[in-house]
Amino acid sequence: MPKYEYRCTQCDHTFDVYQTFSDSALSECPECGGALRKVFGSLGVTFQGSGFYRNDSRQSAQSNSSSGSESSGSKSGASSGSSSSD
């Protein structure tokens, strides 16, 4: 069951309540009767690894295509060189 944090807009009283997803949100402060607001806290997110940027895929695509043309050029040069030496 999730825990929700509420804060009163009038007296700033803050408290936590365990509620199911089907329960309706609380609307009245138990201390002063004022209006309540849900408090949304930040989550602890950790990004690991080197990351992925917009230009990462472009660099790998360019390096693959350039290395592929170099390797095919080397192969054709090697086969033409071996045929001329025979």
PDB file of N, CA and C in Angstrom:
ATOM      1  N   MET A   1       0.851  -1.171   0.000  1.00  0.00           N
ATOM      2  CA  MET A   1       0.000   0.000   0.000  1.00  0.00           C
ATOM      3  C   MET A   1       0.901   1.239   0.000  1.00  0.00           C
ATOM      4  N   PRO A   2       0.680   2.171  -0.927  1.00  0.00           N
ATOM      5  CA  PRO A   2       1.526   3.361  -1.010  1.00  0.00           C
ATOM      6  C   PRO A   2       1.284   4.345   0.130  1.00  0.00           C
ATOM      7  N   LYS A   3       2.345   5.064   0.443  1.00  0.00           N
ATOM      8  CA  LYS A   3       2.274   6.090   1.485  1.00  0.00           C
ATOM      9  C   LYS A   3       2.256   7.452   0.802  1.00  0.00           C
ATOM     10  N   TYR A   4       1.301   8.280   1.167  1.00  0.00           N
ATOM     11  CA  TYR A   4       1.160   9.617   0.600  1.00  0.00           C
ATOM     12  C   TYR A   4       1.430  10.652   1.676  1.00  0.00           C
ATOM     13  N   GLU A   5       2.085  11.729   1.274  1.00  0.00           N
ATOM     14  CA  GLU A   5       2.353  12.831   2.196  1.00  0.00           C
ATOM     15  C   GLU A   5       1.416  13.981   1.851  1.00  0.00           C
ATOM     16  N   TYR A   6       0.796  14.534   2.872  1.00  0.00           N
ATOM     17  CA  TYR A   6      -0.129  15.655   2.710  1.00  0.00           C
ATOM     18  C   TYR A   6       0.372  16.843   3.514  1.00  0.00           C
ATOM     19  N   ARG A   7       0.062  18.052   3.013  1.00  0.00           N
ATOM     20  CA  ARG A   7       0.396  19.284   3.729  1.00  0.00           C
ATOM     21  C   ARG A   7      -0.806  20.212   3.668  1.00  0.00           C
ATOM     22  N   CYS A   8      -1.121  20.803   4.817  1.00  0.00           N
ATOM     23  CA  CYS A   8      -2.230  21.747   4.901  1.00  0.00           C
ATOM     24  C   CYS A   8      -1.805  23.080   4.294  1.00  0.00           C
ATOM     25  N   THR A   9      -2.692  23.684   3.522  1.00  0.00           N
ATOM     26  CA  THR A   9      -2.383  24.972   2.896  1.00  0.00           C
ATOM     27  C   THR A   9      -2.522  26.134   3.875  1.00  0.00           C
ATOM     28  N   GLN A  10      -3.194  25.905   5.017  1.00  0.00           N
ATOM     29  CA  GLN A  10      -3.398  26.995   5.974  1.00  0.00           C
ATOM     30  C   GLN A  10      -2.417  26.948   7.139  1.00  0.00           C
ATOM     31  N   CYS A  11      -2.256  25.780   7.760  1.00  0.00           N
ATOM     32  CA  CYS A  11      -1.403  25.713   8.956  1.00  0.00           C
ATOM     33  C   CYS A  11      -0.063  25.013   8.700  1.00  0.00           C
ATOM     34  N   ASP A  12       0.186  24.544   7.475  1.00  0.00           N
ATOM     35  CA  ASP A  12       1.424  23.847   7.083  1.00  0.00           C
ATOM     36  C   ASP A  12       1.669  22.555   7.856  1.00  0.00           C
ATOM     37  N   HIS A  13       0.627  21.981   8.428  1.00  0.00           N
ATOM     38  CA  HIS A  13       0.754  20.685   9.096  1.00  0.00           C
ATOM     39  C   HIS A  13       1.021  19.623   8.026  1.00  0.00           C
ATOM     40  N   THR A  14       2.067  18.805   8.235  1.00  0.00           N
ATOM     41  CA  THR A  14       2.447  17.761   7.287  1.00  0.00           C
ATOM     42  C   THR A  14       2.310  16.400   7.954  1.00  0.00           C
ATOM     43  N   PHE A  15       1.732  15.441   7.232  1.00  0.00           N
ATOM     44  CA  PHE A  15       1.577  14.090   7.772  1.00  0.00           C
ATOM     45  C   PHE A  15       1.525  13.086   6.627  1.00  0.00           C
ATOM     46  N   ASP A  16       1.782  11.821   6.965  1.00  0.00           N
ATOM     47  CA  ASP A  16       1.775  10.725   6.002  1.00  0.00           C
ATOM     48  C   ASP A  16       0.573   9.825   6.252  1.00  0.00           C
ATOM     49  N   VAL A  17       0.015   9.298   5.163  1.00  0.00           N
ATOM     50  CA  VAL A  17      -1.130   8.403   5.248  1.00  0.00           C
ATOM     51  C   VAL A  17      -0.911   7.253   4.268  1.00  0.00           C
ATOM     52  N   TYR A  18      -1.138   6.015   4.734  1.00  0.00           N
ATOM     53  CA  TYR A  18      -1.128   4.853   3.848  1.00  0.00           C
ATOM     54  C   TYR A  18      -2.513   4.698   3.254  1.00  0.00           C
ATOM     55  N   GLN A  19      -2.596   4.704   1.923  1.00  0.00           N
ATOM     56  CA  GLN A  19      -3.876   4.581   1.232  1.00  0.00           C
ATOM     57  C   GLN A  19      -3.738   3.612   0.069  1.00  0.00           C
ATOM     58  N   THR A  20      -4.831   2.945  -0.256  1.00  0.00           N
ATOM     59  CA  THR A  20      -4.843   2.117  -1.453  1.00  0.00           C
ATOM     60  C   THR A  20      -5.066   3.018  -2.664  1.00  0.00           C
ATOM     61  N   PHE A  21      -4.858   2.454  -3.847  1.00  0.00           N
ATOM     62  CA  PHE A  21      -5.048   3.240  -5.062  1.00  0.00           C
ATOM     63  C   PHE A  21      -6.504   3.631  -5.264  1.00  0.00           C
ATOM     64  N   SER A  22      -7.409   2.833  -4.755  1.00  0.00           N
ATOM     65  CA  SER A  22      -8.834   3.117  -4.937  1.00  0.00           C
ATOM     66  C   SER A  22      -9.366   4.143  -3.932  1.00  0.00           C
ATOM     67  N   ASP A  23      -8.616   4.425  -2.857  1.00  0.00           N
ATOM     68  CA  ASP A  23      -9.056   5.431  -1.878  1.00  0.00           C
ATOM     69  C   ASP A  23      -9.011   6.824  -2.493  1.00  0.00           C
ATOM     70  N   SER A  24      -9.988   7.646  -2.126  1.00  0.00           N
ATOM     71  CA  SER A  24      -9.976   9.029  -2.608  1.00  0.00           C
ATOM     72  C   SER A  24      -8.984   9.848  -1.781  1.00  0.00           C
ATOM     73  N   ALA A  25      -8.457  10.893  -2.393  1.00  0.00           N
ATOM     74  CA  ALA A  25      -7.476  11.746  -1.721  1.00  0.00           C
ATOM     75  C   ALA A  25      -8.132  12.495  -0.569  1.00  0.00           C
ATOM     76  N   LEU A  26      -7.366  12.705   0.492  1.00  0.00           N
ATOM     77  CA  LEU A  26      -7.878  13.474   1.628  1.00  0.00           C
ATOM     78  C   LEU A  26      -7.986  14.938   1.228  1.00  0.00           C
ATOM     79  N   SER A  27      -8.951  15.632   1.803  1.00  0.00           N
ATOM     80  CA  SER A  27      -9.160  17.030   1.429  1.00  0.00           C
ATOM     81  C   SER A  27      -9.215  17.975   2.619  1.00  0.00           C
ATOM     82  N   GLU A  28      -9.317  17.434   3.848  1.00  0.00           N
ATOM     83  CA  GLU A  28      -9.466  18.287   5.028  1.00  0.00           C
ATOM     84  C   GLU A  28      -8.385  17.975   6.051  1.00  0.00           C
ATOM     85  N   CYS A  29      -7.726  19.016   6.548  1.00  0.00           N
ATOM     86  CA  CYS A  29      -6.661  18.881   7.544  1.00  0.00           C
ATOM     87  C   CYS A  29      -7.246  18.410   8.878  1.00  0.00           C
ATOM     88  N   PRO A  30      -6.641  17.390   9.504  1.00  0.00           N
ATOM     89  CA  PRO A  30      -7.155  16.922  10.795  1.00  0.00           C
ATOM     90  C   PRO A  30      -6.865  17.894  11.938  1.00  0.00           C
ATOM     91  N   GLU A  31      -5.937  18.815  11.761  1.00  0.00           N
ATOM     92  CA  GLU A  31      -5.576  19.780  12.814  1.00  0.00           C
ATOM     93  C   GLU A  31      -6.480  21.011  12.804  1.00  0.00           C
ATOM     94  N   CYS A  32      -6.615  21.644  11.621  1.00  0.00           N
ATOM     95  CA  CYS A  32      -7.351  22.912  11.575  1.00  0.00           C
ATOM     96  C   CYS A  32      -8.570  22.883  10.657  1.00  0.00           C
ATOM     97  N   GLY A  33      -8.730  21.810   9.866  1.00  0.00           N
ATOM     98  CA  GLY A  33      -9.867  21.737   8.953  1.00  0.00           C
ATOM     99  C   GLY A  33      -9.621  22.432   7.629  1.00  0.00           C
ATOM    100  N   GLY A  34      -8.397  22.894   7.394  1.00  0.00           N
ATOM    101  CA  GLY A  34      -8.058  23.576   6.140  1.00  0.00           C
ATOM    102  C   GLY A  34      -7.901  22.599   4.981  1.00  0.00           C
ATOM    103  N   ALA A  35      -7.670  23.155   3.812  1.00  0.00           N
ATOM    104  CA  ALA A  35      -7.517  22.349   2.596  1.00  0.00           C
ATOM    105  C   ALA A  35      -6.148  21.668   2.564  1.00  0.00           C
ATOM    106  N   LEU A  36      -6.135  20.431   2.071  1.00  0.00           N
ATOM    107  CA  LEU A  36      -4.892  19.661   1.985  1.00  0.00           C
ATOM    108  C   LEU A  36      -4.399  19.584   0.548  1.00  0.00           C
ATOM    109  N   ARG A  37      -3.092  19.448   0.411  1.00  0.00           N
ATOM    110  CA  ARG A  37      -2.454  19.212  -0.885  1.00  0.00           C
ATOM    111  C   ARG A  37      -1.522  18.021  -0.738  1.00  0.00           C
ATOM    112  N   LYS A  38      -1.463  17.174  -1.766  1.00  0.00           N
ATOM    113  CA  LYS A  38      -0.490  16.083  -1.767  1.00  0.00           C
ATOM    114  C   LYS A  38       0.888  16.665  -2.034  1.00  0.00           C
ATOM    115  N   VAL A  39       1.871  16.130  -1.325  1.00  0.00           N
ATOM    116  CA  VAL A  39       3.254  16.564  -1.518  1.00  0.00           C
ATOM    117  C   VAL A  39       3.941  15.496  -2.354  1.00  0.00           C
ATOM    118  N   PHE A  40       4.522  15.904  -3.474  1.00  0.00           N
ATOM    119  CA  PHE A  40       5.250  14.980  -4.336  1.00  0.00           C
ATOM    120  C   PHE A  40       6.736  15.213  -4.136  1.00  0.00           C
ATOM    121  N   GLY A  41       7.397  14.242  -3.528  1.00  0.00           N
ATOM    122  CA  GLY A  41       8.827  14.348  -3.270  1.00  0.00           C
ATOM    123  C   GLY A  41       9.632  13.897  -4.469  1.00  0.00           C
ATOM    124  N   SER A  42      10.911  14.193  -4.419  1.00  0.00           N
ATOM    125  CA  SER A  42      11.791  13.775  -5.504  1.00  0.00           C
ATOM    126  C   SER A  42      12.199  12.322  -5.312  1.00  0.00           C
ATOM    127  N   LEU A  43      12.476  11.673  -6.395  1.00  0.00           N
ATOM    128  CA  LEU A  43      12.897  10.280  -6.361  1.00  0.00           C
ATOM    129  C   LEU A  43      14.409  10.206  -6.491  1.00  0.00           C
ATOM    130  N   GLY A  44      14.994   9.226  -5.884  1.00  0.00           N
ATOM    131  CA  GLY A  44      16.435   9.024  -6.001  1.00  0.00           C
ATOM    132  C   GLY A  44      16.755   8.202  -7.234  1.00  0.00           C
ATOM    133  N   VAL A  45      17.050   8.869  -8.340  1.00  0.00           N
ATOM    134  CA  VAL A  45      17.355   8.188  -9.592  1.00  0.00           C
ATOM    135  C   VAL A  45      18.847   8.266  -9.836  1.00  0.00           C
ATOM    136  N   THR A  46      19.448   7.134 -10.153  1.00  0.00           N
ATOM    137  CA  THR A  46      20.876   7.097 -10.450  1.00  0.00           C
ATOM    138  C   THR A  46      21.068   6.563 -11.858  1.00  0.00           C
ATOM    139  N   PHE A  47      21.734   7.353 -12.704  1.00  0.00           N
ATOM    140  CA  PHE A  47      22.044   6.915 -14.055  1.00  0.00           C
ATOM    141  C   PHE A  47      23.452   6.353 -14.052  1.00  0.00           C
ATOM    142  N   GLN A  48      23.599   5.131 -14.535  1.00  0.00           N
ATOM    143  CA  GLN A  48      24.903   4.491 -14.540  1.00  0.00           C
ATOM    144  C   GLN A  48      25.329   4.215 -15.972  1.00  0.00           C
ATOM    145  N   GLY A  49      26.617   4.105 -16.174  1.00  0.00           N
ATOM    146  CA  GLY A  49      27.146   3.828 -17.502  1.00  0.00           C
ATOM    147  C   GLY A  49      27.648   5.093 -18.151  1.00  0.00           C
ATOM    148  N   SER A  50      28.126   4.944 -19.361  1.00  0.00           N
ATOM    149  CA  SER A  50      28.712   6.082 -20.064  1.00  0.00           C
ATOM    150  C   SER A  50      27.651   7.012 -20.615  1.00  0.00           C
ATOM    151  N   GLY A  51      26.430   6.527 -20.769  1.00  0.00           N
ATOM    152  CA  GLY A  51      25.355   7.378 -21.266  1.00  0.00           C
ATOM    153  C   GLY A  51      25.168   7.209 -22.759  1.00  0.00           C
ATOM    154  N   PHE A  52      24.125   7.777 -23.272  1.00  0.00           N
ATOM    155  CA  PHE A  52      23.828   7.724 -24.696  1.00  0.00           C
ATOM    156  C   PHE A  52      23.415   9.120 -25.122  1.00  0.00           C
ATOM    157  N   TYR A  53      24.108   9.647 -26.073  1.00  0.00           N
ATOM    158  CA  TYR A  53      23.834  10.989 -26.549  1.00  0.00           C
ATOM    159  C   TYR A  53      23.373  10.928 -27.994  1.00  0.00           C
ATOM    160  N   ARG A  54      22.873  12.026 -28.470  1.00  0.00           N
ATOM    161  CA  ARG A  54      22.334  12.103 -29.816  1.00  0.00           C
ATOM    162  C   ARG A  54      23.395  11.785 -30.865  1.00  0.00           C
ATOM    163  N   ASN A  55      24.605  12.207 -30.625  1.00  0.00           N
ATOM    164  CA  ASN A  55      25.645  11.996 -31.621  1.00  0.00           C
ATOM    165  C   ASN A  55      26.357  10.651 -31.474  1.00  0.00           C
ATOM    166  N   ASP A  56      26.055   9.858 -30.453  1.00  0.00           N
ATOM    167  CA  ASP A  56      26.700   8.557 -30.283  1.00  0.00           C
ATOM    168  C   ASP A  56      26.391   7.622 -31.445  1.00  0.00           C
ATOM    169  N   SER A  57      25.135   7.545 -31.854  1.00  0.00           N
ATOM    170  CA  SER A  57      24.781   6.633 -32.938  1.00  0.00           C
ATOM    171  C   SER A  57      25.365   7.109 -34.257  1.00  0.00           C
ATOM    172  N   ARG A  58      25.465   8.407 -34.445  1.00  0.00           N
ATOM    173  CA  ARG A  58      26.034   8.930 -35.685  1.00  0.00           C
ATOM    174  C   ARG A  58      27.519   8.613 -35.777  1.00  0.00           C
ATOM    175  N   GLN A  59      28.240   8.751 -34.676  1.00  0.00           N
ATOM    176  CA  GLN A  59      29.669   8.462 -34.701  1.00  0.00           C
ATOM    177  C   GLN A  59      29.915   6.992 -34.976  1.00  0.00           C
ATOM    178  N   SER A  60      29.172   6.111 -34.337  1.00  0.00           N
ATOM    179  CA  SER A  60      29.384   4.685 -34.546  1.00  0.00           C
ATOM    180  C   SER A  60      28.990   4.292 -35.968  1.00  0.00           C
ATOM    181  N   ALA A  61      27.964   4.916 -36.525  1.00  0.00           N
ATOM    182  CA  ALA A  61      27.560   4.603 -37.888  1.00  0.00           C
ATOM    183  C   ALA A  61      28.621   5.078 -38.875  1.00  0.00           C
ATOM    184  N   GLN A  62      29.188   6.257 -38.647  1.00  0.00           N
ATOM    185  CA  GLN A  62      30.227   6.767 -39.533  1.00  0.00           C
ATOM    186  C   GLN A  62      31.489   5.927 -39.423  1.00  0.00           C
ATOM    187  N   SER A  63      31.880   5.564 -38.212  1.00  0.00           N
ATOM    188  CA  SER A  63      33.095   4.781 -38.040  1.00  0.00           C
ATOM    189  C   SER A  63      32.915   3.384 -38.619  1.00  0.00           C
ATOM    190  N   ASN A  64      31.716   2.814 -38.532  1.00  0.00           N
ATOM    191  CA  ASN A  64      31.469   1.497 -39.116  1.00  0.00           C
ATOM    192  C   ASN A  64      31.515   1.555 -40.636  1.00  0.00           C
ATOM    193  N   SER A  65      30.914   2.578 -41.222  1.00  0.00           N
ATOM    194  CA  SER A  65      30.896   2.670 -42.672  1.00  0.00           C
ATOM    195  C   SER A  65      32.284   2.994 -43.208  1.00  0.00           C
ATOM    196  N   SER A  66      33.040   3.846 -42.523  1.00  0.00           N
ATOM    197  CA  SER A  66      34.378   4.180 -42.994  1.00  0.00           C
ATOM    198  C   SER A  66      35.323   3.010 -42.802  1.00  0.00           C
ATOM    199  N   SER A  67      35.215   2.270 -41.701  1.00  0.00           N
ATOM    200  CA  SER A  67      36.073   1.112 -41.483  1.00  0.00           C
ATOM    201  C   SER A  67      35.688  -0.006 -42.436  1.00  0.00           C
ATOM    202  N   GLY A  68      34.412  -0.094 -42.782  1.00  0.00           N
ATOM    203  CA  GLY A  68      33.970  -1.110 -43.731  1.00  0.00           C
ATOM    204  C   GLY A  68      34.515  -0.835 -45.119  1.00  0.00           C
ATOM    205  N   SER A  69      34.550   0.427 -45.549  1.00  0.00           N
ATOM    206  CA  SER A  69      35.073   0.750 -46.866  1.00  0.00           C
ATOM    207  C   SER A  69      36.586   0.597 -46.890  1.00  0.00           C
ATOM    208  N   GLU A  70      37.251   0.897 -45.771  1.00  0.00           N
ATOM    209  CA  GLU A  70      38.699   0.724 -45.719  1.00  0.00           C
ATOM    210  C   GLU A  70      39.060  -0.750 -45.787  1.00  0.00           C
ATOM    211  N   SER A  71      38.319  -1.571 -45.040  1.00  0.00           N
ATOM    212  CA  SER A  71      38.634  -2.997 -45.019  1.00  0.00           C
ATOM    213  C   SER A  71      38.332  -3.626 -46.371  1.00  0.00           C
ATOM    214  N   SER A  72      37.258  -3.188 -47.054  1.00  0.00           N
ATOM    215  CA  SER A  72      36.967  -3.743 -48.369  1.00  0.00           C
ATOM    216  C   SER A  72      37.987  -3.248 -49.380  1.00  0.00           C
ATOM    217  N   GLY A  73      38.479  -2.014 -49.209  1.00  0.00           N
ATOM    218  CA  GLY A  73      39.524  -1.492 -50.087  1.00  0.00           C
ATOM    219  C   GLY A  73      40.819  -2.240 -49.878  1.00  0.00           C
ATOM    220  N   SER A  74      41.125  -2.603 -48.646  1.00  0.00           N
ATOM    221  CA  SER A  74      42.336  -3.354 -48.341  1.00  0.00           C
ATOM    222  C   SER A  74      42.259  -4.735 -48.952  1.00  0.00           C
ATOM    223  N   LYS A  75      41.081  -5.345 -48.884  1.00  0.00           N
ATOM    224  CA  LYS A  75      40.926  -6.689 -49.426  1.00  0.00           C
ATOM    225  C   LYS A  75      41.094  -6.674 -50.940  1.00  0.00           C
ATOM    226  N   SER A  76      40.488  -5.680 -51.590  1.00  0.00           N
ATOM    227  CA  SER A  76      40.606  -5.628 -53.044  1.00  0.00           C
ATOM    228  C   SER A  76      42.037  -5.311 -53.448  1.00  0.00           C
ATOM    229  N   GLY A  77      42.705  -4.459 -52.672  1.00  0.00           N
ATOM    230  CA  GLY A  77      44.106  -4.145 -52.961  1.00  0.00           C
ATOM    231  C   GLY A  77      44.989  -5.348 -52.735  1.00  0.00           C
ATOM    232  N   ALA A  78      44.711  -6.125 -51.706  1.00  0.00           N
ATOM    233  CA  ALA A  78      45.511  -7.305 -51.401  1.00  0.00           C
ATOM    234  C   ALA A  78      45.304  -8.371 -52.463  1.00  0.00           C
ATOM    235  N   SER A  79      44.067  -8.535 -52.931  1.00  0.00           N
ATOM    236  CA  SER A  79      43.832  -9.556 -53.940  1.00  0.00           C
ATOM    237  C   SER A  79      44.407  -9.129 -55.282  1.00  0.00           C
ATOM    238  N   SER A  80      44.374  -7.830 -55.606  1.00  0.00           N
ATOM    239  CA  SER A  80      44.969  -7.390 -56.861  1.00  0.00           C
ATOM    240  C   SER A  80      46.482  -7.478 -56.777  1.00  0.00           C
ATOM    241  N   GLY A  81      47.040  -7.215 -55.581  1.00  0.00           N
ATOM    242  CA  GLY A  81      48.483  -7.326 -55.402  1.00  0.00           C
ATOM    243  C   GLY A  81      48.934  -8.762 -55.502  1.00  0.00           C
ATOM    244  N   SER A  82      48.158  -9.696 -54.963  1.00  0.00           N
ATOM    245  CA  SER A  82      48.541 -11.106 -55.012  1.00  0.00           C
ATOM    246  C   SER A  82      48.375 -11.660 -56.423  1.00  0.00           C
ATOM    247  N   SER A  83      47.392 -11.142 -57.184  1.00  0.00           N
ATOM    248  CA  SER A  83      47.212 -11.631 -58.547  1.00  0.00           C
ATOM    249  C   SER A  83      48.315 -11.108 -59.454  1.00  0.00           C
ATOM    250  N   SER A  84      48.823  -9.889 -59.184  1.00  0.00           N
ATOM    251  CA  SER A  84      49.893  -9.350 -60.017  1.00  0.00           C
ATOM    252  C   SER A  84      51.219 -10.019 -59.704  1.00  0.00           C
ATOM    253  N   SER A  85      51.401 -10.521 -58.468  1.00  0.00           N
ATOM    254  CA  SER A  85      52.648 -11.175 -58.109  1.00  0.00           C
ATOM    255  C   SER A  85      52.681 -12.609 -58.612  1.00  0.00           C
ATOM    256  N   ASP A  86      51.535 -13.210 -58.978  1.00  0.00           N
ATOM    257  CA  ASP A  86      51.520 -14.590 -59.481  1.00  0.00           C
ATOM    258  C   ASP A  86      51.998 -14.693 -60.863  1.00  0.00           C
TER     259      ASP A  86
END
